[in-house]
Amino acid sequence: TWIRTGNQLGFYHYSAKSHGMDSLAAGFLGPLEKLEIKDVIAQ
């Protein structure tokens, strides 16, 4: 996927070991940044 809302969408560090993500954003995704989707979960 490619980011449509650059510099607006916060992302979070994710731990595969704990299957969880940090509660604080690590930064913002840049315009048209390309992401490879590995999983979709509920949290």
All heavy atoms as atom14 arrays in JSON, in Angstrom:
{
  "sequence": "TWIRTGNQLGFYHYSAKSHGMDSLAAGFLGPLEKLEIKDVIAQ",
  "atom14_mask": [
    [1, 1, 1, 1, 1, 1, 1, 0, 0, 0, 0, 0, 0, 0],
    [1, 1, 1, 1, 1, 1, 1, 1, 1, 1, 1, 1, 1, 1],
    [1, 1, 1, 1, 1, 1, 1, 1, 0, 0, 0, 0, 0, 0],
    [1, 1, 1, 1, 1, 1, 1, 1, 1, 1, 1, 0, 0, 0],
    [1, 1, 1, 1, 1, 1, 1, 0, 0, 0, 0, 0, 0, 0],
    [1, 1, 1, 1, 0, 0, 0, 0, 0, 0, 0, 0, 0, 0],
    [1, 1, 1, 1, 1, 1, 1, 1, 0, 0, 0, 0, 0, 0],
    [1, 1, 1, 1, 1, 1, 1, 1, 1, 0, 0, 0, 0, 0],
    [1, 1, 1, 1, 1, 1, 1, 1, 0, 0, 0, 0, 0, 0],
    [1, 1, 1, 1, 0, 0, 0, 0, 0, 0, 0, 0, 0, 0],
    [1, 1, 1, 1, 1, 1, 1, 1, 1, 1, 1, 0, 0, 0],
    [1, 1, 1, 1, 1, 1, 1, 1, 1, 1, 1, 1, 0, 0],
    [1, 1, 1, 1, 1, 1, 1, 1, 1, 1, 0, 0, 0, 0],
    [1, 1, 1, 1, 1, 1, 1, 1, 1, 1, 1, 1, 0, 0],
    [1, 1, 1, 1, 1, 1, 0, 0, 0, 0, 0, 0, 0, 0],
    [1, 1, 1, 1, 1, 0, 0, 0, 0, 0, 0, 0, 0, 0],
    [1, 1, 1, 1, 1, 1, 1, 1, 1, 0, 0, 0, 0, 0],
    [1, 1, 1, 1, 1, 1, 0, 0, 0, 0, 0, 0, 0, 0],
    [1, 1, 1, 1, 1, 1, 1, 1, 1, 1, 0, 0, 0, 0],
    [1, 1, 1, 1, 0, 0, 0, 0, 0, 0, 0, 0, 0, 0],
    [1, 1, 1, 1, 1, 1, 1, 1, 0, 0, 0, 0, 0, 0],
    [1, 1, 1, 1, 1, 1, 1, 1, 0, 0, 0, 0, 0, 0],
    [1, 1, 1, 1, 1, 1, 0, 0, 0, 0, 0, 0, 0, 0],
    [1, 1, 1, 1, 1, 1, 1, 1, 0, 0, 0, 0, 0, 0],
    [1, 1, 1, 1, 1, 0, 0, 0, 0, 0, 0, 0, 0, 0],
    [1, 1, 1, 1, 1, 0, 0, 0, 0, 0, 0, 0, 0, 0],
    [1, 1, 1, 1, 0, 0, 0, 0, 0, 0, 0, 0, 0, 0],
    [1, 1, 1, 1, 1, 1, 1, 1, 1, 1, 1, 0, 0, 0],
    [1, 1, 1, 1, 1, 1, 1, 1, 0, 0, 0, 0, 0, 0],
    [1, 1, 1, 1, 0, 0, 0, 0, 0, 0, 0, 0, 0, 0],
    [1, 1, 1, 1, 1, 1, 1, 0, 0, 0, 0, 0, 0, 0],
    [1, 1, 1, 1, 1, 1, 1, 1, 0, 0, 0, 0, 0, 0],
    [1, 1, 1, 1, 1, 1, 1, 1, 1, 0, 0, 0, 0, 0],
    [1, 1, 1, 1, 1, 1, 1, 1, 1, 0, 0, 0, 0, 0],
    [1, 1, 1, 1, 1, 1, 1, 1, 0, 0, 0, 0, 0, 0],
    [1, 1, 1, 1, 1, 1, 1, 1, 1, 0, 0, 0, 0, 0],
    [1, 1, 1, 1, 1, 1, 1, 1, 0, 0, 0, 0, 0, 0],
    [1, 1, 1, 1, 1, 1, 1, 1, 1, 0, 0, 0, 0, 0],
    [1, 1, 1, 1, 1, 1, 1, 1, 0, 0, 0, 0, 0, 0],
    [1, 1, 1, 1, 1, 1, 1, 0, 0, 0, 0, 0, 0, 0],
    [1, 1, 1, 1, 1, 1, 1, 1, 0, 0, 0, 0, 0, 0],
    [1, 1, 1, 1, 1, 0, 0, 0, 0, 0, 0, 0, 0, 0],
    [1, 1, 1, 1, 1, 1, 1, 1, 1, 0, 0, 0, 0, 0]
  ],
  "atom14_positions": [
    [[0.86, -1.19, 0.0], [0.0, 0.0, 0.0], [0.89, 1.23, 0.0], [2.07, 1.17, 0.36], [-0.93, 0.04, 1.23], [-0.12, 0.17, 2.42], [-1.78, -1.22, 1.33], [0.0, 0.0, 0.0], [0.0, 0.0, 0.0], [0.0, 0.0, 0.0], [0.0, 0.0, 0.0], [0.0, 0.0, 0.0], [0.0, 0.0, 0.0], [0.0, 0.0, 0.0]],
    [[0.31, 2.35, -0.4], [1.03, 3.62, -0.43], [0.25, 4.64, 0.39], [-0.97, 4.74, 0.27], [1.2, 4.11, -1.87], [2.17, 3.32, -2.66], [3.48, 3.64, -2.94], [1.94, 2.04, -3.3], [4.06, 2.66, -3.71], [3.15, 1.66, -3.94], [0.84, 1.2, -3.38], [3.27, 0.47, -4.65], [0.96, 0.0, -4.08], [2.15, -0.34, -4.71]],
    [[0.96, 5.41, 1.2], [0.3, 6.36, 2.11], [-0.34, 7.5, 1.33], [0.32, 8.19, 0.55], [1.29, 6.91, 3.14], [1.78, 5.8, 4.05], [0.65, 8.03, 3.97], [0.68, 5.12, 4.84], [0.0, 0.0, 0.0], [0.0, 0.0, 0.0], [0.0, 0.0, 0.0], [0.0, 0.0, 0.0], [0.0, 0.0, 0.0], [0.0, 0.0, 0.0]],
    [[-1.61, 7.69, 1.57], [-2.39, 8.73, 0.89], [-2.39, 10.03, 1.69], [-2.54, 11.12, 1.12], [-3.81, 8.22, 0.69], [-4.66, 9.0, -0.27], [-5.93, 8.24, -0.6], [-6.66, 8.85, -1.68], [-7.54, 8.22, -2.44], [-7.79, 6.94, -2.24], [-8.16, 8.86, -3.41], [0.0, 0.0, 0.0], [0.0, 0.0, 0.0], [0.0, 0.0, 0.0]],
    [[-2.29, 9.92, 3.0], [-2.35, 11.09, 3.9], [-0.98, 11.31, 4.53], [-0.79, 11.09, 5.73], [-3.42, 10.88, 4.98], [-3.19, 9.61, 5.63], [-4.81, 10.88, 4.38], [0.0, 0.0, 0.0], [0.0, 0.0, 0.0], [0.0, 0.0, 0.0], [0.0, 0.0, 0.0], [0.0, 0.0, 0.0], [0.0, 0.0, 0.0], [0.0, 0.0, 0.0]],
    [[-0.03, 11.74, 3.73], [1.34, 11.92, 4.21], [1.47, 12.97, 5.28], [0.82, 14.02, 5.24], [0.0, 0.0, 0.0], [0.0, 0.0, 0.0], [0.0, 0.0, 0.0], [0.0, 0.0, 0.0], [0.0, 0.0, 0.0], [0.0, 0.0, 0.0], [0.0, 0.0, 0.0], [0.0, 0.0, 0.0], [0.0, 0.0, 0.0], [0.0, 0.0, 0.0]],
    [[2.32, 12.67, 6.28], [2.6, 13.57, 7.4], [1.39, 13.84, 8.29], [1.35, 14.82, 9.02], [3.17, 14.91, 6.89], [4.59, 14.77, 6.39], [5.39, 14.05, 6.99], [4.91, 15.42, 5.29], [0.0, 0.0, 0.0], [0.0, 0.0, 0.0], [0.0, 0.0, 0.0], [0.0, 0.0, 0.0], [0.0, 0.0, 0.0], [0.0, 0.0, 0.0]],
    [[0.41, 12.93, 8.23], [-0.74, 13.03, 9.12], [-0.95, 11.76, 9.92], [-1.52, 11.81, 11.01], [-2.02, 13.3, 8.31], [-2.24, 14.74, 7.93], [-3.67, 15.0, 7.5], [-4.35, 14.12, 6.98], [-4.14, 16.2, 7.71], [0.0, 0.0, 0.0], [0.0, 0.0, 0.0], [0.0, 0.0, 0.0], [0.0, 0.0, 0.0], [0.0, 0.0, 0.0]],
    [[-0.51, 10.64, 9.4], [-0.84, 9.34, 9.98], [0.29, 8.85, 10.88], [1.39, 8.55, 10.41], [-1.1, 8.34, 8.85], [-1.73, 7.0, 9.23], [-3.11, 7.21, 9.86], [-1.84, 6.11, 8.0], [0.0, 0.0, 0.0], [0.0, 0.0, 0.0], [0.0, 0.0, 0.0], [0.0, 0.0, 0.0], [0.0, 0.0, 0.0], [0.0, 0.0, 0.0]],
    [[0.0, 8.75, 12.19], [1.0, 8.26, 13.13], [1.16, 6.75, 13.07], [0.19, 6.03, 12.82], [0.0, 0.0, 0.0], [0.0, 0.0, 0.0], [0.0, 0.0, 0.0], [0.0, 0.0, 0.0], [0.0, 0.0, 0.0], [0.0, 0.0, 0.0], [0.0, 0.0, 0.0], [0.0, 0.0, 0.0], [0.0, 0.0, 0.0], [0.0, 0.0, 0.0]],
    [[2.39, 6.27, 13.27], [2.62, 4.83, 13.32], [3.27, 4.46, 14.66], [3.8, 5.31, 15.37], [3.49, 4.37, 12.14], [4.93, 4.8, 12.22], [5.9, 3.97, 12.77], [5.33, 6.04, 11.73], [7.23, 4.36, 12.85], [6.66, 6.45, 11.8], [7.61, 5.61, 12.36], [0.0, 0.0, 0.0], [0.0, 0.0, 0.0], [0.0, 0.0, 0.0]],
    [[3.21, 3.16, 14.98], [3.66, 2.68, 16.29], [4.58, 1.48, 16.12], [4.4, 0.67, 15.2], [2.44, 2.26, 17.12], [1.43, 3.37, 17.33], [0.52, 3.72, 16.31], [1.36, 4.07, 18.52], [-0.4, 4.74, 16.49], [0.44, 5.09, 18.71], [-0.44, 5.42, 17.7], [-1.35, 6.43, 17.87], [0.0, 0.0, 0.0], [0.0, 0.0, 0.0]],
    [[5.56, 1.38, 17.0], [6.42, 0.2, 16.99], [5.59, -1.01, 17.4], [4.73, -0.93, 18.28], [7.6, 0.38, 17.95], [8.58, 1.43, 17.49], [9.06, 1.48, 16.2], [9.17, 2.46, 18.17], [9.9, 2.5, 16.09], [9.98, 3.1, 17.26], [0.0, 0.0, 0.0], [0.0, 0.0, 0.0], [0.0, 0.0, 0.0], [0.0, 0.0, 0.0]],
    [[5.88, -2.14, 16.76], [5.13, -3.37, 17.0], [6.09, -4.48, 17.38], [7.17, -4.62, 16.8], [4.35, -3.78, 15.75], [3.59, -5.08, 15.88], [2.37, -5.13, 16.53], [4.11, -6.26, 15.35], [1.67, -6.32, 16.65], [3.43, -7.46, 15.47], [2.21, -7.49, 16.12], [1.52, -8.67, 16.25], [0.0, 0.0, 0.0], [0.0, 0.0, 0.0]],
    [[5.71, -5.27, 18.39], [6.52, -6.4, 18.84], [5.86, -7.7, 18.42], [4.75, -8.02, 18.86], [6.68, -6.37, 20.37], [7.29, -7.56, 20.81], [0.0, 0.0, 0.0], [0.0, 0.0, 0.0], [0.0, 0.0, 0.0], [0.0, 0.0, 0.0], [0.0, 0.0, 0.0], [0.0, 0.0, 0.0], [0.0, 0.0, 0.0], [0.0, 0.0, 0.0]],
    [[6.54, -8.44, 17.54], [6.0, -9.73, 17.11], [5.99, -10.72, 18.27], [5.13, -11.62, 18.31], [6.84, -10.27, 15.95], [0.0, 0.0, 0.0], [0.0, 0.0, 0.0], [0.0, 0.0, 0.0], [0.0, 0.0, 0.0], [0.0, 0.0, 0.0], [0.0, 0.0, 0.0], [0.0, 0.0, 0.0], [0.0, 0.0, 0.0], [0.0, 0.0, 0.0]],
    [[6.91, -10.56, 19.22], [7.0, -11.48, 20.34], [5.78, -11.35, 21.25], [5.19, -12.35, 21.68], [8.29, -11.22, 21.15], [8.51, -12.19, 22.28], [9.83, -11.91, 22.99], [11.01, -12.16, 22.06], [12.3, -12.02, 22.78], [0.0, 0.0, 0.0], [0.0, 0.0, 0.0], [0.0, 0.0, 0.0], [0.0, 0.0, 0.0], [0.0, 0.0, 0.0]],
    [[5.39, -10.12, 21.55], [4.24, -9.9, 22.44], [2.93, -9.71, 21.67], [1.87, -9.61, 22.28], [4.5, -8.68, 23.32], [4.58, -7.51, 22.53], [0.0, 0.0, 0.0], [0.0, 0.0, 0.0], [0.0, 0.0, 0.0], [0.0, 0.0, 0.0], [0.0, 0.0, 0.0], [0.0, 0.0, 0.0], [0.0, 0.0, 0.0], [0.0, 0.0, 0.0]],
    [[3.04, -9.64, 20.36], [1.87, -9.38, 19.51], [1.13, -8.12, 19.95], [-0.09, -8.07, 20.0], [0.89, -10.57, 19.54], [1.49, -11.83, 19.0], [1.71, -12.06, 17.66], [1.93, -12.94, 19.66], [2.26, -13.25, 17.51], [2.41, -13.81, 18.69], [0.0, 0.0, 0.0], [0.0, 0.0, 0.0], [0.0, 0.0, 0.0], [0.0, 0.0, 0.0]],
    [[1.91, -7.09, 20.24], [1.33, -5.83, 20.68], [2.12, -4.64, 20.17], [3.26, -4.78, 19.69], [0.0, 0.0, 0.0], [0.0, 0.0, 0.0], [0.0, 0.0, 0.0], [0.0, 0.0, 0.0], [0.0, 0.0, 0.0], [0.0, 0.0, 0.0], [0.0, 0.0, 0.0], [0.0, 0.0, 0.0], [0.0, 0.0, 0.0], [0.0, 0.0, 0.0]],
    [[1.54, -3.47, 20.27], [2.18, -2.25, 19.8], [2.31, -1.25, 20.93], [1.58, -1.31, 21.93], [1.35, -1.64, 18.66], [-0.09, -1.36, 19.04], [-1.12, -0.9, 17.62], [-0.63, 0.79, 17.39], [0.0, 0.0, 0.0], [0.0, 0.0, 0.0], [0.0, 0.0, 0.0], [0.0, 0.0, 0.0], [0.0, 0.0, 0.0], [0.0, 0.0, 0.0]],
    [[3.27, -0.35, 20.79], [3.45, 0.71, 21.77], [2.22, 1.6, 21.81], [1.47, 1.7, 20.83], [4.68, 1.55, 21.43], [5.98, 0.77, 21.58], [5.94, -0.34, 22.15], [7.02, 1.27, 21.09], [0.0, 0.0, 0.0], [0.0, 0.0, 0.0], [0.0, 0.0, 0.0], [0.0, 0.0, 0.0], [0.0, 0.0, 0.0], [0.0, 0.0, 0.0]],
    [[2.05, 2.27, 22.94], [0.91, 3.17, 23.07], [1.22, 4.57, 22.58], [0.3, 5.38, 22.35], [0.45, 3.24, 24.53], [1.51, 3.7, 25.36], [0.0, 0.0, 0.0], [0.0, 0.0, 0.0], [0.0, 0.0, 0.0], [0.0, 0.0, 0.0], [0.0, 0.0, 0.0], [0.0, 0.0, 0.0], [0.0, 0.0, 0.0], [0.0, 0.0, 0.0]],
    [[2.49, 4.88, 22.39], [2.9, 6.2, 21.91], [3.4, 6.1, 20.47], [4.15, 5.17, 20.12], [4.0, 6.79, 22.8], [3.61, 7.07, 24.26], [4.81, 7.59, 25.03], [2.45, 8.06, 24.32], [0.0, 0.0, 0.0], [0.0, 0.0, 0.0], [0.0, 0.0, 0.0], [0.0, 0.0, 0.0], [0.0, 0.0, 0.0], [0.0, 0.0, 0.0]],
    [[3.0, 7.05, 19.65], [3.41, 7.03, 18.24], [4.91, 7.24, 18.11], [5.51, 8.04, 18.84], [2.66, 8.1, 17.47], [0.0, 0.0, 0.0], [0.0, 0.0, 0.0], [0.0, 0.0, 0.0], [0.0, 0.0, 0.0], [0.0, 0.0, 0.0], [0.0, 0.0, 0.0], [0.0, 0.0, 0.0], [0.0, 0.0, 0.0], [0.0, 0.0, 0.0]],
    [[5.5, 6.51, 17.17], [6.94, 6.63, 16.93], [7.24, 7.72, 15.9], [8.39, 8.13, 15.76], [7.49, 5.29, 16.44], [0.0, 0.0, 0.0], [0.0, 0.0, 0.0], [0.0, 0.0, 0.0], [0.0, 0.0, 0.0], [0.0, 0.0, 0.0], [0.0, 0.0, 0.0], [0.0, 0.0, 0.0], [0.0, 0.0, 0.0], [0.0, 0.0, 0.0]],
    [[6.24, 8.17, 15.19], [6.43, 9.19, 14.16], [5.24, 9.2, 13.22], [4.2, 8.62, 13.51], [0.0, 0.0, 0.0], [0.0, 0.0, 0.0], [0.0, 0.0, 0.0], [0.0, 0.0, 0.0], [0.0, 0.0, 0.0], [0.0, 0.0, 0.0], [0.0, 0.0, 0.0], [0.0, 0.0, 0.0], [0.0, 0.0, 0.0], [0.0, 0.0, 0.0]],
    [[5.43, 9.88, 12.08], [4.37, 10.0, 11.1], [4.84, 9.45, 9.76], [6.0, 9.62, 9.38], [3.94, 11.47, 10.95], [3.31, 12.04, 12.18], [4.1, 12.58, 13.19], [1.94, 12.02, 12.35], [3.53, 13.1, 14.35], [1.35, 12.54, 13.5], [2.14, 13.07, 14.5], [0.0, 0.0, 0.0], [0.0, 0.0, 0.0], [0.0, 0.0, 0.0]],
    [[3.93, 8.79, 9.07], [4.26, 8.2, 7.78], [4.29, 9.27, 6.7], [3.43, 10.15, 6.65], [3.26, 7.1, 7.43], [3.33, 5.89, 8.37], [2.11, 5.0, 8.17], [4.61, 5.1, 8.14], [0.0, 0.0, 0.0], [0.0, 0.0, 0.0], [0.0, 0.0, 0.0], [0.0, 0.0, 0.0], [0.0, 0.0, 0.0], [0.0, 0.0, 0.0]],
    [[5.29, 9.19, 5.84], [5.5, 10.21, 4.82], [4.59, 10.05, 3.61], [3.97, 9.01, 3.4], [0.0, 0.0, 0.0], [0.0, 0.0, 0.0], [0.0, 0.0, 0.0], [0.0, 0.0, 0.0], [0.0, 0.0, 0.0], [0.0, 0.0, 0.0], [0.0, 0.0, 0.0], [0.0, 0.0, 0.0], [0.0, 0.0, 0.0], [0.0, 0.0, 0.0]],
    [[4.5, 11.09, 2.78], [3.64, 11.04, 1.61], [4.08, 9.96, 0.62], [5.26, 9.83, 0.29], [3.8, 12.44, 0.99], [5.06, 12.99, 1.58], [5.2, 12.39, 2.92], [0.0, 0.0, 0.0], [0.0, 0.0, 0.0], [0.0, 0.0, 0.0], [0.0, 0.0, 0.0], [0.0, 0.0, 0.0], [0.0, 0.0, 0.0], [0.0, 0.0, 0.0]],
    [[3.11, 9.15, 0.19], [3.3, 8.05, -0.75], [4.31, 7.02, -0.27], [4.86, 6.26, -1.07], [3.72, 8.57, -2.13], [2.72, 9.44, -2.88], [3.11, 9.55, -4.34], [1.3, 8.95, -2.76], [0.0, 0.0, 0.0], [0.0, 0.0, 0.0], [0.0, 0.0, 0.0], [0.0, 0.0, 0.0], [0.0, 0.0, 0.0], [0.0, 0.0, 0.0]],
    [[4.54, 6.96, 1.04], [5.46, 5.95, 1.57], [4.86, 4.56, 1.33], [3.69, 4.32, 1.58], [5.69, 6.18, 3.06], [6.79, 5.3, 3.62], [7.24, 5.73, 5.01], [6.76, 6.77, 5.51], [8.08, 5.02, 5.59], [0.0, 0.0, 0.0], [0.0, 0.0, 0.0], [0.0, 0.0, 0.0], [0.0, 0.0, 0.0], [0.0, 0.0, 0.0]],
    [[5.71, 3.65, 0.85], [5.25, 2.3, 0.51], [5.37, 1.39, 1.72], [6.42, 1.32, 2.37], [6.07, 1.74, -0.65], [5.61, 0.37, -1.12], [6.47, -0.11, -2.29], [6.03, -1.48, -2.77], [6.86, -1.96, -3.92], [0.0, 0.0, 0.0], [0.0, 0.0, 0.0], [0.0, 0.0, 0.0], [0.0, 0.0, 0.0], [0.0, 0.0, 0.0]],
    [[4.27, 0.68, 2.03], [4.24, -0.25, 3.15], [3.91, -1.65, 2.64], [3.1, -1.81, 1.72], [3.17, 0.16, 4.18], [3.13, 1.61, 4.65], [2.0, 1.78, 5.67], [4.46, 2.05, 5.23], [0.0, 0.0, 0.0], [0.0, 0.0, 0.0], [0.0, 0.0, 0.0], [0.0, 0.0, 0.0], [0.0, 0.0, 0.0], [0.0, 0.0, 0.0]],
    [[4.52, -2.65, 3.25], [4.17, -4.05, 2.98], [3.37, -4.55, 4.18], [3.89, -4.61, 5.3], [5.43, -4.9, 2.78], [6.29, -4.51, 1.59], [5.65, -4.88, 0.26], [4.72, -5.73, 0.27], [6.08, -4.34, -0.77], [0.0, 0.0, 0.0], [0.0, 0.0, 0.0], [0.0, 0.0, 0.0], [0.0, 0.0, 0.0], [0.0, 0.0, 0.0]],
    [[2.11, -4.88, 3.96], [1.23, -5.29, 5.06], [1.5, -6.75, 5.42], [1.37, -7.65, 4.58], [-0.25, -5.1, 4.69], [-0.5, -3.66, 4.21], [-1.13, -5.42, 5.9], [-0.17, -2.58, 5.21], [0.0, 0.0, 0.0], [0.0, 0.0, 0.0], [0.0, 0.0, 0.0], [0.0, 0.0, 0.0], [0.0, 0.0, 0.0], [0.0, 0.0, 0.0]],
    [[1.85, -6.98, 6.68], [2.21, -8.32, 7.15], [1.08, -9.0, 7.92], [0.99, -10.22, 7.95], [3.45, -8.23, 8.06], [4.68, -7.64, 7.37], [5.11, -8.48, 6.18], [6.35, -7.92, 5.5], [6.74, -8.72, 4.31], [0.0, 0.0, 0.0], [0.0, 0.0, 0.0], [0.0, 0.0, 0.0], [0.0, 0.0, 0.0], [0.0, 0.0, 0.0]],
    [[0.25, -8.2, 8.58], [-0.84, -8.78, 9.36], [-1.88, -7.71, 9.64], [-1.6, -6.5, 9.55], [-0.3, -9.36, 10.68], [-1.22, -10.4, 11.29], [-2.29, -10.67, 10.69], [-0.88, -10.94, 12.36], [0.0, 0.0, 0.0], [0.0, 0.0, 0.0], [0.0, 0.0, 0.0], [0.0, 0.0, 0.0], [0.0, 0.0, 0.0], [0.0, 0.0, 0.0]],
    [[-3.08, -8.13, 9.98], [-4.15, -7.24, 10.41], [-4.75, -7.83, 11.68], [-5.21, -8.98, 11.68], [-5.24, -7.07, 9.34], [-6.41, -6.24, 9.88], [-4.66, -6.4, 8.09], [0.0, 0.0, 0.0], [0.0, 0.0, 0.0], [0.0, 0.0, 0.0], [0.0, 0.0, 0.0], [0.0, 0.0, 0.0], [0.0, 0.0, 0.0], [0.0, 0.0, 0.0]],
    [[-4.72, -7.06, 12.78], [-5.14, -7.56, 14.09], [-6.06, -6.55, 14.76], [-6.21, -5.41, 14.29], [-3.92, -7.82, 15.01], [-3.17, -6.5, 15.26], [-2.99, -8.86, 14.39], [-2.04, -6.63, 16.29], [0.0, 0.0, 0.0], [0.0, 0.0, 0.0], [0.0, 0.0, 0.0], [0.0, 0.0, 0.0], [0.0, 0.0, 0.0], [0.0, 0.0, 0.0]],
    [[-6.68, -6.97, 15.85], [-7.48, -6.07, 16.69], [-6.74, -5.84, 18.0], [-6.18, -6.79, 18.57], [-8.85, -6.66, 16.96], [0.0, 0.0, 0.0], [0.0, 0.0, 0.0], [0.0, 0.0, 0.0], [0.0, 0.0, 0.0], [0.0, 0.0, 0.0], [0.0, 0.0, 0.0], [0.0, 0.0, 0.0], [0.0, 0.0, 0.0], [0.0, 0.0, 0.0]],
    [[-6.71, -4.62, 18.46], [-6.02, -4.29, 19.71], [-6.61, -3.04, 20.31], [-7.06, -2.13, 19.59], [-4.52, -4.09, 19.45], [-3.74, -3.77, 20.73], [-2.24, -3.71, 20.48], [-1.71, -4.52, 19.72], [-1.57, -2.77, 21.12], [0.0, 0.0, 0.0], [0.0, 0.0, 0.0], [0.0, 0.0, 0.0], [0.0, 0.0, 0.0], [0.0, 0.0, 0.0]]
  ]
}
